């Protein structure tokens, strides 16, 4: 048993650590200030670390090496296909790199067909074909063959790049994703919620891998299910008691990671006993953390514990939230 756990831990330690959870590939010309901004904010609100490049190079310039490195350093890539996406060499080069990374076991790409259909991307037809023709019209084929080696080499290189772009578009269109007009009746907010939920589930599976491999962890999580009663329209308070070093925090964190996707807001407050020692100042700090985490607003400040209590009652009322208070010292017992 211990040998199996050690092997699993070693396997997890050897896995690549990604700098970003999600890389967003999009045409800034027609999606940056609407769908992409809303999606990015929603992902970040769930604690998902995104890479969203807002400094696109001017037309005609090559994609930066550090941007390609950011794709390699992202566990997931979300490609937002829009009418002008295929007109950008920048986007197409990104897409080629994304599809290369997609071949690795750990990285996954999800397409979002914003205002185009999958078949348009797959076959470079319709508005996608019109956008892509910007590049095909630049290809010059000389007949009869000229002796100008540079011109011939340029034609070969351009055709090779077009071939890579076409293949990347076709392969990406075949991936499982979301077509906006045929998902959630075309409601952008609902589609964004579905995307965030899917990414959160994937990340939860990845992040929980190590905890689930700990001896007995899965069984301990299952033992708590009857007490949690997820799905009931009710307020539940569950305590986990035990001796120091028994794994209470690890169990609480694993349950938090597993369940948080089902809640509107979430907060995991660590070291409550230690942080509350500063009396009212410590409690005020803890209240601020809960409000900031649950409401997704890092600018929230409170002047007193009394104000914090009132804000919690008014701003969290009616919301479905999950809050874990770790290392709480009660009069007769300690629980996580």
C-alpha atoms as a PDB file:
ATOM      1  CA  UNK A   1       0.000   0.000   0.000  1.00  0.00           C
ATOM      2  CA  UNK A   2       2.734   2.445   0.969  1.00  0.00           C
ATOM      3  CA  UNK A   3       4.702   1.466  -2.099  1.00  0.00           C
ATOM      4  CA  UNK A   4       1.750   2.239  -4.350  1.00  0.00           C
ATOM      5  CA  UNK A   5       1.265   5.656  -2.723  1.00  0.00           C
ATOM      6  CA  UNK A   6       4.960   6.453  -3.056  1.00  0.00           C
ATOM      7  CA  UNK A   7       4.904   5.514  -6.733  1.00  0.00           C
ATOM      8  CA  UNK A   8       1.848   7.687  -7.394  1.00  0.00           C
ATOM      9  CA  UNK A   9       3.405  10.628  -5.571  1.00  0.00           C
ATOM     10  CA  UNK A  10       6.590  10.264  -7.569  1.00  0.00           C
ATOM     11  CA  UNK A  11       4.574  10.197 -10.796  1.00  0.00           C
ATOM     12  CA  UNK A  12       2.780  13.425  -9.839  1.00  0.00           C
ATOM     13  CA  UNK A  13       6.056  15.108  -8.874  1.00  0.00           C
ATOM     14  CA  UNK A  14       7.453  14.358 -12.322  1.00  0.00           C
ATOM     15  CA  UNK A  15       4.541  15.994 -14.125  1.00  0.00           C
ATOM     16  CA  UNK A  16       5.166  19.348 -15.750  1.00  0.00           C
ATOM     17  CA  UNK A  17       4.149  22.371 -13.718  1.00  0.00           C
ATOM     18  CA  UNK A  18       2.295  24.895 -15.851  1.00  0.00           C
ATOM     19  CA  UNK A  19       2.587  28.636 -15.346  1.00  0.00           C
ATOM     20  CA  UNK A  20      -0.961  29.292 -16.587  1.00  0.00           C
ATOM     21  CA  UNK A  21      -4.202  27.365 -16.340  1.00  0.00           C
ATOM     22  CA  UNK A  22      -5.681  28.771 -19.560  1.00  0.00           C
ATOM     23  CA  UNK A  23      -4.293  30.496 -22.653  1.00  0.00           C
ATOM     24  CA  UNK A  24      -6.874  32.534 -24.583  1.00  0.00           C
ATOM     25  CA  UNK A  25      -6.404  32.726 -28.358  1.00  0.00           C
ATOM     26  CA  UNK A  26      -8.643  35.284 -30.056  1.00  0.00           C
ATOM     27  CA  UNK A  27      -8.930  38.018 -32.634  1.00  0.00           C
ATOM     28  CA  UNK A  28      -8.673  41.217 -30.665  1.00  0.00           C
ATOM     29  CA  UNK A  29     -10.325  43.140 -33.462  1.00  0.00           C
ATOM     30  CA  UNK A  30     -13.779  41.687 -32.895  1.00  0.00           C
ATOM     31  CA  UNK A  31     -13.872  39.845 -29.540  1.00  0.00           C
ATOM     32  CA  UNK A  32     -11.431  41.444 -27.094  1.00  0.00           C
ATOM     33  CA  UNK A  33     -13.791  44.042 -25.655  1.00  0.00           C
ATOM     34  CA  UNK A  34     -16.832  41.796 -25.326  1.00  0.00           C
ATOM     35  CA  UNK A  35     -16.873  38.001 -25.180  1.00  0.00           C
ATOM     36  CA  UNK A  36     -13.166  37.516 -24.413  1.00  0.00           C
ATOM     37  CA  UNK A  37     -13.138  40.131 -21.647  1.00  0.00           C
ATOM     38  CA  UNK A  38     -16.212  38.588 -20.021  1.00  0.00           C
ATOM     39  CA  UNK A  39     -14.794  35.064 -20.322  1.00  0.00           C
ATOM     40  CA  UNK A  40     -11.433  36.123 -18.915  1.00  0.00           C
ATOM     41  CA  UNK A  41     -13.067  37.860 -15.942  1.00  0.00           C
ATOM     42  CA  UNK A  42     -15.272  34.833 -15.259  1.00  0.00           C
ATOM     43  CA  UNK A  43     -12.291  32.455 -15.321  1.00  0.00           C
ATOM     44  CA  UNK A  44     -10.266  34.679 -13.018  1.00  0.00           C
ATOM     45  CA  UNK A  45     -13.261  34.966 -10.709  1.00  0.00           C
ATOM     46  CA  UNK A  46     -13.016  31.214 -10.193  1.00  0.00           C
ATOM     47  CA  UNK A  47      -9.333  31.492  -9.356  1.00  0.00           C
ATOM     48  CA  UNK A  48      -8.261  30.215 -12.782  1.00  0.00           C
ATOM     49  CA  UNK A  49      -4.969  31.770 -13.902  1.00  0.00           C
ATOM     50  CA  UNK A  50      -5.290  32.969 -17.501  1.00  0.00           C
ATOM     51  CA  UNK A  51      -2.932  34.316 -20.145  1.00  0.00           C
ATOM     52  CA  UNK A  52      -4.673  36.944 -22.264  1.00  0.00           C
ATOM     53  CA  UNK A  53      -2.393  38.891 -24.572  1.00  0.00           C
ATOM     54  CA  UNK A  54      -3.657  42.456 -24.961  1.00  0.00           C
ATOM     55  CA  UNK A  55      -0.628  43.744 -26.822  1.00  0.00           C
ATOM     56  CA  UNK A  56      -1.047  42.323 -30.295  1.00  0.00           C
ATOM     57  CA  UNK A  57       1.687  43.164 -32.764  1.00  0.00           C
ATOM     58  CA  UNK A  58       0.907  45.360 -35.689  1.00  0.00           C
ATOM     59  CA  UNK A  59      -0.098  43.720 -38.933  1.00  0.00           C
ATOM     60  CA  UNK A  60       2.741  42.084 -40.803  1.00  0.00           C
ATOM     61  CA  UNK A  61       4.942  41.472 -37.774  1.00  0.00           C
ATOM     62  CA  UNK A  62       5.960  38.036 -36.584  1.00  0.00           C
ATOM     63  CA  UNK A  63       4.609  36.391 -33.452  1.00  0.00           C
ATOM     64  CA  UNK A  64       6.922  36.673 -30.459  1.00  0.00           C
ATOM     65  CA  UNK A  65       8.812  33.655 -29.097  1.00  0.00           C
ATOM     66  CA  UNK A  66       7.704  34.459 -25.547  1.00  0.00           C
ATOM     67  CA  UNK A  67       4.068  34.234 -26.632  1.00  0.00           C
ATOM     68  CA  UNK A  68       4.650  30.768 -28.076  1.00  0.00           C
ATOM     69  CA  UNK A  69       6.338  29.869 -24.779  1.00  0.00           C
ATOM     70  CA  UNK A  70       3.198  31.014 -22.947  1.00  0.00           C
ATOM     71  CA  UNK A  71       1.184  28.496 -24.960  1.00  0.00           C
ATOM     72  CA  UNK A  72       3.596  25.754 -23.917  1.00  0.00           C
ATOM     73  CA  UNK A  73       3.232  26.902 -20.300  1.00  0.00           C
ATOM     74  CA  UNK A  74      -0.600  26.694 -20.329  1.00  0.00           C
ATOM     75  CA  UNK A  75      -2.448  23.524 -19.378  1.00  0.00           C
ATOM     76  CA  UNK A  76      -5.547  24.485 -21.385  1.00  0.00           C
ATOM     77  CA  UNK A  77      -6.058  26.638 -24.468  1.00  0.00           C
ATOM     78  CA  UNK A  78      -9.388  28.179 -25.412  1.00  0.00           C
ATOM     79  CA  UNK A  79      -9.606  29.252 -29.054  1.00  0.00           C
ATOM     80  CA  UNK A  80     -12.310  31.817 -29.803  1.00  0.00           C
ATOM     81  CA  UNK A  81     -13.050  31.538 -33.509  1.00  0.00           C
ATOM     82  CA  UNK A  82     -14.636  34.683 -34.916  1.00  0.00           C
ATOM     83  CA  UNK A  83     -15.114  36.114 -38.403  1.00  0.00           C
ATOM     84  CA  UNK A  84     -11.748  37.880 -38.409  1.00  0.00           C
ATOM     85  CA  UNK A  85      -9.711  35.225 -36.594  1.00  0.00           C
ATOM     86  CA  UNK A  86      -8.353  33.648 -39.796  1.00  0.00           C
ATOM     87  CA  UNK A  87      -7.327  37.023 -41.209  1.00  0.00           C
ATOM     88  CA  UNK A  88      -4.611  37.361 -38.574  1.00  0.00           C
ATOM     89  CA  UNK A  89      -1.261  35.648 -39.173  1.00  0.00           C
ATOM     90  CA  UNK A  90      -0.693  36.159 -35.461  1.00  0.00           C
ATOM     91  CA  UNK A  91      -3.794  34.083 -34.568  1.00  0.00           C
ATOM     92  CA  UNK A  92      -2.995  31.403 -37.141  1.00  0.00           C
ATOM     93  CA  UNK A  93       0.568  30.989 -35.865  1.00  0.00           C
ATOM     94  CA  UNK A  94      -0.829  30.735 -32.338  1.00  0.00           C
ATOM     95  CA  UNK A  95      -3.253  28.079 -33.533  1.00  0.00           C
ATOM     96  CA  UNK A  96      -0.491  25.995 -35.141  1.00  0.00           C
ATOM     97  CA  UNK A  97       1.423  26.047 -31.854  1.00  0.00           C
ATOM     98  CA  UNK A  98      -1.703  25.197 -29.845  1.00  0.00           C
ATOM     99  CA  UNK A  99      -2.449  22.180 -32.015  1.00  0.00           C
ATOM    100  CA  UNK A 100       1.144  21.004 -31.639  1.00  0.00           C
ATOM    101  CA  UNK A 101       0.820  21.205 -27.847  1.00  0.00           C
ATOM    102  CA  UNK A 102      -2.596  19.525 -28.029  1.00  0.00           C
ATOM    103  CA  UNK A 103      -0.787  16.321 -29.024  1.00  0.00           C
ATOM    104  CA  UNK A 104       0.837  16.063 -25.590  1.00  0.00           C
ATOM    105  CA  UNK A 105      -1.058  14.068 -22.925  1.00  0.00           C
ATOM    106  CA  UNK A 106      -1.431  16.938 -20.423  1.00  0.00           C
ATOM    107  CA  UNK A 107      -2.554  19.836 -22.624  1.00  0.00           C
ATOM    108  CA  UNK A 108      -6.095  20.260 -23.930  1.00  0.00           C
ATOM    109  CA  UNK A 109      -7.556  22.757 -26.398  1.00  0.00           C
ATOM    110  CA  UNK A 110     -11.213  23.831 -26.503  1.00  0.00           C
ATOM    111  CA  UNK A 111     -12.684  25.707 -29.484  1.00  0.00           C
ATOM    112  CA  UNK A 112     -15.430  28.295 -29.102  1.00  0.00           C
ATOM    113  CA  UNK A 113     -17.252  29.142 -32.337  1.00  0.00           C
ATOM    114  CA  UNK A 114     -18.300  32.685 -31.538  1.00  0.00           C
ATOM    115  CA  UNK A 115     -19.958  33.987 -34.710  1.00  0.00           C
ATOM    116  CA  UNK A 116     -18.860  31.289 -37.162  1.00  0.00           C
ATOM    117  CA  UNK A 117     -19.802  27.649 -37.668  1.00  0.00           C
ATOM    118  CA  UNK A 118     -17.440  24.683 -37.173  1.00  0.00           C
ATOM    119  CA  UNK A 119     -17.772  23.714 -40.837  1.00  0.00           C
ATOM    120  CA  UNK A 120     -16.634  27.209 -41.898  1.00  0.00           C
ATOM    121  CA  UNK A 121     -13.471  26.785 -39.830  1.00  0.00           C
ATOM    122  CA  UNK A 122     -12.954  23.199 -40.973  1.00  0.00           C
ATOM    123  CA  UNK A 123     -13.300  23.967 -44.695  1.00  0.00           C
ATOM    124  CA  UNK A 124     -12.226  27.633 -44.621  1.00  0.00           C
ATOM    125  CA  UNK A 125     -15.529  28.609 -46.169  1.00  0.00           C
ATOM    126  CA  UNK A 126     -18.016  31.424 -45.589  1.00  0.00           C
ATOM    127  CA  UNK A 127     -16.719  34.322 -43.510  1.00  0.00           C
ATOM    128  CA  UNK A 128     -13.697  32.256 -42.414  1.00  0.00           C
ATOM    129  CA  UNK A 129     -12.840  31.604 -46.053  1.00  0.00           C
ATOM    130  CA  UNK A 130     -13.096  35.294 -46.829  1.00  0.00           C
ATOM    131  CA  UNK A 131     -10.756  36.128 -43.958  1.00  0.00           C
ATOM    132  CA  UNK A 132      -8.316  33.392 -44.941  1.00  0.00           C
ATOM    133  CA  UNK A 133      -8.267  34.508 -48.583  1.00  0.00           C
ATOM    134  CA  UNK A 134      -6.291  37.532 -47.444  1.00  0.00           C
ATOM    135  CA  UNK A 135      -3.307  35.206 -47.197  1.00  0.00           C
ATOM    136  CA  UNK A 136      -3.989  33.033 -50.246  1.00  0.00           C
ATOM    137  CA  UNK A 137      -4.205  36.101 -52.485  1.00  0.00           C
ATOM    138  CA  UNK A 138      -0.650  36.927 -51.519  1.00  0.00           C
ATOM    139  CA  UNK A 139       0.676  33.716 -53.016  1.00  0.00           C
ATOM    140  CA  UNK A 140       2.131  34.280 -56.462  1.00  0.00           C
ATOM    141  CA  UNK A 141       2.805  31.324 -58.758  1.00  0.00           C
ATOM    142  CA  UNK A 142       5.076  32.168 -61.649  1.00  0.00           C
ATOM    143  CA  UNK A 143       4.423  30.539 -65.039  1.00  0.00           C
ATOM    144  CA  UNK A 144       6.428  29.810 -66.999  1.00  0.00           C
ATOM    145  CA  UNK A 145       8.974  28.990 -64.324  1.00  0.00           C
ATOM    146  CA  UNK A 146      11.358  31.798 -63.705  1.00  0.00           C
ATOM    147  CA  UNK A 147      15.009  31.466 -62.936  1.00  0.00           C
ATOM    148  CA  UNK A 148      14.617  33.753 -59.954  1.00  0.00           C
ATOM    149  CA  UNK A 149      15.379  31.349 -57.118  1.00  0.00           C
ATOM    150  CA  UNK A 150      14.295  33.784 -54.415  1.00  0.00           C
ATOM    151  CA  UNK A 151      10.794  34.120 -55.858  1.00  0.00           C
ATOM    152  CA  UNK A 152      10.379  30.359 -56.131  1.00  0.00           C
ATOM    153  CA  UNK A 153      11.635  29.829 -52.589  1.00  0.00           C
ATOM    154  CA  UNK A 154       9.235  32.485 -51.305  1.00  0.00           C
ATOM    155  CA  UNK A 155       6.317  30.764 -53.036  1.00  0.00           C
ATOM    156  CA  UNK A 156       7.277  27.396 -51.542  1.00  0.00           C
ATOM    157  CA  UNK A 157       7.592  28.825 -48.030  1.00  0.00           C
ATOM    158  CA  UNK A 158       4.286  30.658 -48.277  1.00  0.00           C
ATOM    159  CA  UNK A 159       2.462  27.586 -49.529  1.00  0.00           C
ATOM    160  CA  UNK A 160       4.002  25.537 -46.726  1.00  0.00           C
ATOM    161  CA  UNK A 161       2.758  28.020 -44.134  1.00  0.00           C
ATOM    162  CA  UNK A 162      -0.714  28.058 -45.692  1.00  0.00           C
ATOM    163  CA  UNK A 163      -0.775  24.278 -45.472  1.00  0.00           C
ATOM    164  CA  UNK A 164       0.052  24.390 -41.762  1.00  0.00           C
ATOM    165  CA  UNK A 165      -2.657  26.970 -41.134  1.00  0.00           C
ATOM    166  CA  UNK A 166      -5.278  24.995 -43.059  1.00  0.00           C
ATOM    167  CA  UNK A 167      -4.466  21.800 -41.151  1.00  0.00           C
ATOM    168  CA  UNK A 168      -4.556  23.597 -37.794  1.00  0.00           C
ATOM    169  CA  UNK A 169      -7.960  25.114 -38.604  1.00  0.00           C
ATOM    170  CA  UNK A 170      -9.326  21.755 -39.690  1.00  0.00           C
ATOM    171  CA  UNK A 171      -7.986  19.889 -36.656  1.00  0.00           C
ATOM    172  CA  UNK A 172      -9.218  22.551 -34.212  1.00  0.00           C
ATOM    173  CA  UNK A 173     -12.710  22.512 -35.749  1.00  0.00           C
ATOM    174  CA  UNK A 174     -12.896  18.770 -35.036  1.00  0.00           C
ATOM    175  CA  UNK A 175     -12.292  19.228 -31.305  1.00  0.00           C
ATOM    176  CA  UNK A 176     -15.092  19.197 -28.761  1.00  0.00           C
ATOM    177  CA  UNK A 177     -16.124  22.712 -27.805  1.00  0.00           C
ATOM    178  CA  UNK A 178     -18.980  25.193 -27.889  1.00  0.00           C
ATOM    179  CA  UNK A 179     -20.865  26.712 -30.822  1.00  0.00           C
ATOM    180  CA  UNK A 180     -22.364  29.873 -29.377  1.00  0.00           C
ATOM    181  CA  UNK A 181     -25.568  30.024 -31.423  1.00  0.00           C
ATOM    182  CA  UNK A 182     -26.432  26.381 -30.660  1.00  0.00           C
ATOM    183  CA  UNK A 183     -25.522  26.423 -26.961  1.00  0.00           C
ATOM    184  CA  UNK A 184     -27.760  27.781 -24.180  1.00  0.00           C
ATOM    185  CA  UNK A 185     -29.962  29.473 -26.815  1.00  0.00           C
ATOM    186  CA  UNK A 186     -27.035  31.709 -27.750  1.00  0.00           C
ATOM    187  CA  UNK A 187     -26.868  33.455 -24.363  1.00  0.00           C
ATOM    188  CA  UNK A 188     -23.239  34.512 -23.968  1.00  0.00           C
ATOM    189  CA  UNK A 189     -23.347  34.629 -20.171  1.00  0.00           C
ATOM    190  CA  UNK A 190     -24.669  31.073 -19.988  1.00  0.00           C
ATOM    191  CA  UNK A 191     -22.099  29.808 -22.481  1.00  0.00           C
ATOM    192  CA  UNK A 192     -19.316  31.456 -20.497  1.00  0.00           C
ATOM    193  CA  UNK A 193     -20.624  29.754 -17.350  1.00  0.00           C
ATOM    194  CA  UNK A 194     -20.510  26.383 -19.120  1.00  0.00           C
ATOM    195  CA  UNK A 195     -16.939  27.010 -20.263  1.00  0.00           C
ATOM    196  CA  UNK A 196     -15.807  28.009 -16.785  1.00  0.00           C
ATOM    197  CA  UNK A 197     -17.479  24.942 -15.282  1.00  0.00           C
ATOM    198  CA  UNK A 198     -15.804  22.633 -17.797  1.00  0.00           C
ATOM    199  CA  UNK A 199     -12.347  24.114 -17.212  1.00  0.00           C
ATOM    200  CA  UNK A 200     -12.878  24.044 -13.440  1.00  0.00           C
ATOM    201  CA  UNK A 201     -13.825  20.378 -13.573  1.00  0.00           C
ATOM    202  CA  UNK A 202     -10.764  19.550 -15.646  1.00  0.00           C
ATOM    203  CA  UNK A 203      -8.499  21.481 -13.278  1.00  0.00           C
ATOM    204  CA  UNK A 204     -10.118  19.887 -10.256  1.00  0.00           C
ATOM    205  CA  UNK A 205      -9.393  16.446 -11.677  1.00  0.00           C
ATOM    206  CA  UNK A 206      -5.768  17.417 -12.281  1.00  0.00           C
ATOM    207  CA  UNK A 207      -5.228  19.155  -8.937  1.00  0.00           C
ATOM    208  CA  UNK A 208      -6.895  16.457  -6.880  1.00  0.00           C
ATOM    209  CA  UNK A 209      -4.800  13.703  -8.403  1.00  0.00           C
ATOM    210  CA  UNK A 210      -2.177  13.886  -5.668  1.00  0.00           C
ATOM    211  CA  UNK A 211      -4.695  13.966  -2.792  1.00  0.00           C
ATOM    212  CA  UNK A 212      -6.730  11.096  -4.178  1.00  0.00           C
ATOM    213  CA  UNK A 213      -3.601   8.968  -4.280  1.00  0.00           C
ATOM    214  CA  UNK A 214      -3.010   9.476  -0.548  1.00  0.00           C
ATOM    215  CA  UNK A 215      -3.860   6.308   1.347  1.00  0.00           C
ATOM    216  CA  UNK A 216      -7.503   6.313   2.453  1.00  0.00           C
ATOM    217  CA  UNK A 217      -8.285   9.858   1.195  1.00  0.00           C
ATOM    218  CA  UNK A 218     -11.015   8.855  -1.245  1.00  0.00           C
ATOM    219  CA  UNK A 219     -12.794   6.790   1.418  1.00  0.00           C
ATOM    220  CA  UNK A 220     -12.594   9.637   3.936  1.00  0.00           C
ATOM    221  CA  UNK A 221     -14.156  11.985   1.397  1.00  0.00           C
ATOM    222  CA  UNK A 222     -16.973   9.530   0.726  1.00  0.00           C
ATOM    223  CA  UNK A 223     -17.608   9.137   4.477  1.00  0.00           C
ATOM    224  CA  UNK A 224     -18.381  12.866   4.675  1.00  0.00           C
ATOM    225  CA  UNK A 225     -20.924  12.874   1.835  1.00  0.00           C
ATOM    226  CA  UNK A 226     -23.969  12.042   4.033  1.00  0.00           C
ATOM    227  CA  UNK A 227     -23.168  14.996   6.307  1.00  0.00           C
ATOM    228  CA  UNK A 228     -22.689  17.475   3.473  1.00  0.00           C
ATOM    229  CA  UNK A 229     -25.999  16.684   1.747  1.00  0.00           C
ATOM    230  CA  UNK A 230     -25.080  18.643  -1.363  1.00  0.00           C
ATOM    231  CA  UNK A 231     -28.182  19.604  -3.347  1.00  0.00           C
ATOM    232  CA  UNK A 232     -30.421  20.482  -0.432  1.00  0.00           C
ATOM    233  CA  UNK A 233     -31.665  24.075  -0.246  1.00  0.00           C
ATOM    234  CA  UNK A 234     -30.332  24.506   3.252  1.00  0.00           C
ATOM    235  CA  UNK A 235     -27.416  25.864   5.278  1.00  0.00           C
ATOM    236  CA  UNK A 236     -24.987  23.168   6.402  1.00  0.00           C
ATOM    237  CA  UNK A 237     -22.151  23.420   8.915  1.00  0.00           C
ATOM    238  CA  UNK A 238     -19.804  20.442   9.205  1.00  0.00           C
ATOM    239  CA  UNK A 239     -16.809  20.144  11.537  1.00  0.00           C
ATOM    240  CA  UNK A 240     -13.794  17.893  11.104  1.00  0.00           C
ATOM    241  CA  UNK A 241     -12.132  17.103  14.447  1.00  0.00           C
ATOM    242  CA  UNK A 242      -8.964  15.206  15.211  1.00  0.00           C
ATOM    243  CA  UNK A 243      -5.464  15.239  16.586  1.00  0.00           C
ATOM    244  CA  UNK A 244      -2.800  17.460  15.043  1.00  0.00           C
ATOM    245  CA  UNK A 245      -1.203  15.920  11.961  1.00  0.00           C
ATOM    246  CA  UNK A 246      -4.194  13.653  11.283  1.00  0.00           C
ATOM    247  CA  UNK A 247      -4.782  15.180   7.835  1.00  0.00           C
ATOM    248  CA  UNK A 248      -7.759  17.396   8.632  1.00  0.00           C
ATOM    249  CA  UNK A 249      -6.569  20.288   6.451  1.00  0.00           C
ATOM    250  CA  UNK A 250      -5.692  17.965   3.566  1.00  0.00           C
ATOM    251  CA  UNK A 251      -9.153  16.400   3.731  1.00  0.00           C
ATOM    252  CA  UNK A 252     -10.871  19.797   3.956  1.00  0.00           C
ATOM    253  CA  UNK A 253      -8.889  21.104   0.969  1.00  0.00           C
ATOM    254  CA  UNK A 254      -9.700  18.007  -1.120  1.00  0.00           C
ATOM    255  CA  UNK A 255     -13.427  18.377  -0.393  1.00  0.00           C
ATOM    256  CA  UNK A 256     -13.257  22.109  -1.120  1.00  0.00           C
ATOM    257  CA  UNK A 257     -11.595  21.499  -4.504  1.00  0.00           C
ATOM    258  CA  UNK A 258     -14.124  18.809  -5.351  1.00  0.00           C
ATOM    259  CA  UNK A 259     -17.267  20.766  -4.463  1.00  0.00           C
ATOM    260  CA  UNK A 260     -16.430  24.411  -5.169  1.00  0.00           C
ATOM    261  CA  UNK A 261     -17.533  24.273  -8.824  1.00  0.00           C
ATOM    262  CA  UNK A 262     -21.138  23.808  -7.640  1.00  0.00           C
ATOM    263  CA  UNK A 263     -21.189  27.089  -5.708  1.00  0.00           C
ATOM    264  CA  UNK A 264     -21.568  30.730  -6.739  1.00  0.00           C
ATOM    265  CA  UNK A 265     -18.799  31.804  -4.389  1.00  0.00           C
ATOM    266  CA  UNK A 266     -16.072  30.089  -2.407  1.00  0.00           C
ATOM    267  CA  UNK A 267     -13.397  30.849   0.175  1.00  0.00           C
ATOM    268  CA  UNK A 268     -10.800  28.680   1.908  1.00  0.00           C
ATOM    269  CA  UNK A 269      -9.586  30.570   4.967  1.00  0.00           C
ATOM    270  CA  UNK A 270      -6.341  29.176   6.362  1.00  0.00           C
ATOM    271  CA  UNK A 271      -4.882  29.436   9.876  1.00  0.00           C
ATOM    272  CA  UNK A 272      -7.983  30.974  11.437  1.00  0.00           C
ATOM    273  CA  UNK A 273      -6.749  30.353  14.996  1.00  0.00           C
ATOM    274  CA  UNK A 274      -3.422  32.074  14.362  1.00  0.00           C
ATOM    275  CA  UNK A 275      -4.820  34.968  12.346  1.00  0.00           C
ATOM    276  CA  UNK A 276      -7.588  35.717  14.839  1.00  0.00           C
ATOM    277  CA  UNK A 277      -5.152  36.160  17.733  1.00  0.00           C
ATOM    278  CA  UNK A 278      -4.965  39.858  16.916  1.00  0.00           C
ATOM    279  CA  UNK A 279      -8.503  40.111  18.328  1.00  0.00           C
ATOM    280  CA  UNK A 280     -10.731  42.482  16.356  1.00  0.00           C
ATOM    281  CA  UNK A 281      -8.045  43.357  13.809  1.00  0.00           C
ATOM    282  CA  UNK A 282      -7.528  39.682  13.041  1.00  0.00           C
ATOM    283  CA  UNK A 283     -11.257  39.013  12.702  1.00  0.00           C
ATOM    284  CA  UNK A 284     -11.636  42.017  10.399  1.00  0.00           C
ATOM    285  CA  UNK A 285      -8.878  40.649   8.171  1.00  0.00           C
ATOM    286  CA  UNK A 286     -10.598  37.252   7.991  1.00  0.00           C
ATOM    287  CA  UNK A 287     -13.939  38.879   7.159  1.00  0.00           C
ATOM    288  CA  UNK A 288     -12.318  40.859   4.341  1.00  0.00           C
ATOM    289  CA  UNK A 289     -10.819  37.677   2.882  1.00  0.00           C
ATOM    290  CA  UNK A 290     -14.170  35.881   2.852  1.00  0.00           C
ATOM    291  CA  UNK A 291     -15.951  38.842   1.233  1.00  0.00           C
ATOM    292  CA  UNK A 292     -13.212  39.312  -1.385  1.00  0.00           C
ATOM    293  CA  UNK A 293     -13.067  35.616  -2.241  1.00  0.00           C
ATOM    294  CA  UNK A 294     -16.809  35.026  -2.440  1.00  0.00           C
ATOM    295  CA  UNK A 295     -17.673  38.249  -4.280  1.00  0.00           C
ATOM    296  CA  UNK A 296     -14.580  38.205  -6.500  1.00  0.00           C
ATOM    297  CA  UNK A 297     -13.682  41.775  -5.582  1.00  0.00           C
ATOM    298  CA  UNK A 298     -10.153  42.236  -4.196  1.00  0.00           C
ATOM    299  CA  UNK A 299     -10.804  45.934  -3.487  1.00  0.00           C
ATOM    300  CA  UNK A 300     -13.295  45.296  -0.659  1.00  0.00           C
ATOM    301  CA  UNK A 301     -12.243  46.796   2.679  1.00  0.00           C
ATOM    302  CA  UNK A 302     -14.119  47.071   5.955  1.00  0.00           C
ATOM    303  CA  UNK A 303     -13.561  49.464   8.853  1.00  0.00           C
ATOM    304  CA  UNK A 304     -14.729  47.199  11.672  1.00  0.00           C
ATOM    305  CA  UNK A 305     -15.905  43.704  12.570  1.00  0.00           C
ATOM    306  CA  UNK A 306     -19.414  45.116  12.992  1.00  0.00           C
ATOM    307  CA  UNK A 307     -19.375  46.453   9.410  1.00  0.00           C
ATOM    308  CA  UNK A 308     -17.977  43.138   8.172  1.00  0.00           C
ATOM    309  CA  UNK A 309     -20.813  41.241   9.849  1.00  0.00           C
ATOM    310  CA  UNK A 310     -23.426  43.536   8.293  1.00  0.00           C
ATOM    311  CA  UNK A 311     -21.853  43.262   4.831  1.00  0.00           C
ATOM    312  CA  UNK A 312     -21.825  39.479   5.034  1.00  0.00           C
ATOM    313  CA  UNK A 313     -25.499  39.427   5.945  1.00  0.00           C
ATOM    314  CA  UNK A 314     -26.525  41.737   3.113  1.00  0.00           C
ATOM    315  CA  UNK A 315     -24.078  40.813   0.296  1.00  0.00           C
ATOM    316  CA  UNK A 316     -24.015  37.051   0.818  1.00  0.00           C
ATOM    317  CA  UNK A 317     -27.726  36.653   1.505  1.00  0.00           C
ATOM    318  CA  UNK A 318     -29.346  34.297  -1.008  1.00  0.00           C
ATOM    319  CA  UNK A 319     -26.032  33.195  -2.501  1.00  0.00           C
ATOM    320  CA  UNK A 320     -24.893  29.588  -2.649  1.00  0.00           C
ATOM    321  CA  UNK A 321     -21.418  29.734  -1.117  1.00  0.00           C
ATOM    322  CA  UNK A 322     -18.831  27.306   0.202  1.00  0.00           C
ATOM    323  CA  UNK A 323     -16.600  28.530   3.023  1.00  0.00           C
ATOM    324  CA  UNK A 324     -13.952  26.474   4.795  1.00  0.00           C
ATOM    325  CA  UNK A 325     -12.424  27.786   8.025  1.00  0.00           C
ATOM    326  CA  UNK A 326      -9.196  25.878   8.654  1.00  0.00           C
ATOM    327  CA  UNK A 327      -7.731  25.349  12.123  1.00  0.00           C
ATOM    328  CA  UNK A 328     -10.511  26.784  14.269  1.00  0.00           C
ATOM    329  CA  UNK A 329      -9.979  26.711  18.042  1.00  0.00           C
ATOM    330  CA  UNK A 330     -13.167  26.197  20.048  1.00  0.00           C
ATOM    331  CA  UNK A 331     -13.475  26.142  23.816  1.00  0.00           C
ATOM    332  CA  UNK A 332     -13.553  22.363  24.103  1.00  0.00           C
ATOM    333  CA  UNK A 333     -12.189  21.126  20.780  1.00  0.00           C
ATOM    334  CA  UNK A 334     -10.224  22.018  17.707  1.00  0.00           C
ATOM    335  CA  UNK A 335     -11.640  21.403  14.259  1.00  0.00           C
ATOM    336  CA  UNK A 336     -10.905  22.189  10.605  1.00  0.00           C
END
